[in-house]
Amino acid sequence: MSKIAVCSSGDSLNGQIDGRFGRCAYFIIGDLESNNFESIPNNAGNSKQGAGIQAAQIVVDKGVKAVISNRVGAKAFAALQKAGIKVYIPKAEESIKANVEKYKTNELEEMLQANN
């Protein structure tokens, strides 16, 4: 497996999904092989424009291979695709931790096009 990024409203694995990729408060970055997770603030979220592309660069720089997010804009989605990063749609009612487990067992639907 590889590294994933989950859009989060807080800085904890036990927190809730933040549905907005470019403007989420945090990314929870997880290395699924070592089971180590870190929280990083999404500094792109405060940008007046281009937040999605900047957020995409953050996860690219972290070596992420998959993102879990409800909504991704066209430019951000294109940037993620170009980097070989797949996007998965979370089960919104469940915690980040639960969604990571669903990702590991292939229970999340892949997002095939931008939806924001």
Foldseek 3Di string as FASTA:
>chain_A
DAKEWFQFQDFDQQGFGDQEQLQGQWIWIAGVVVRDIGIDGQPLNPDPDDSLVSSLVVCLVVVHQEYEHNAHAQVNVVSCVVSNHWYWYAPRVHTNNVRVVCVVVVNTHTDPGGDD
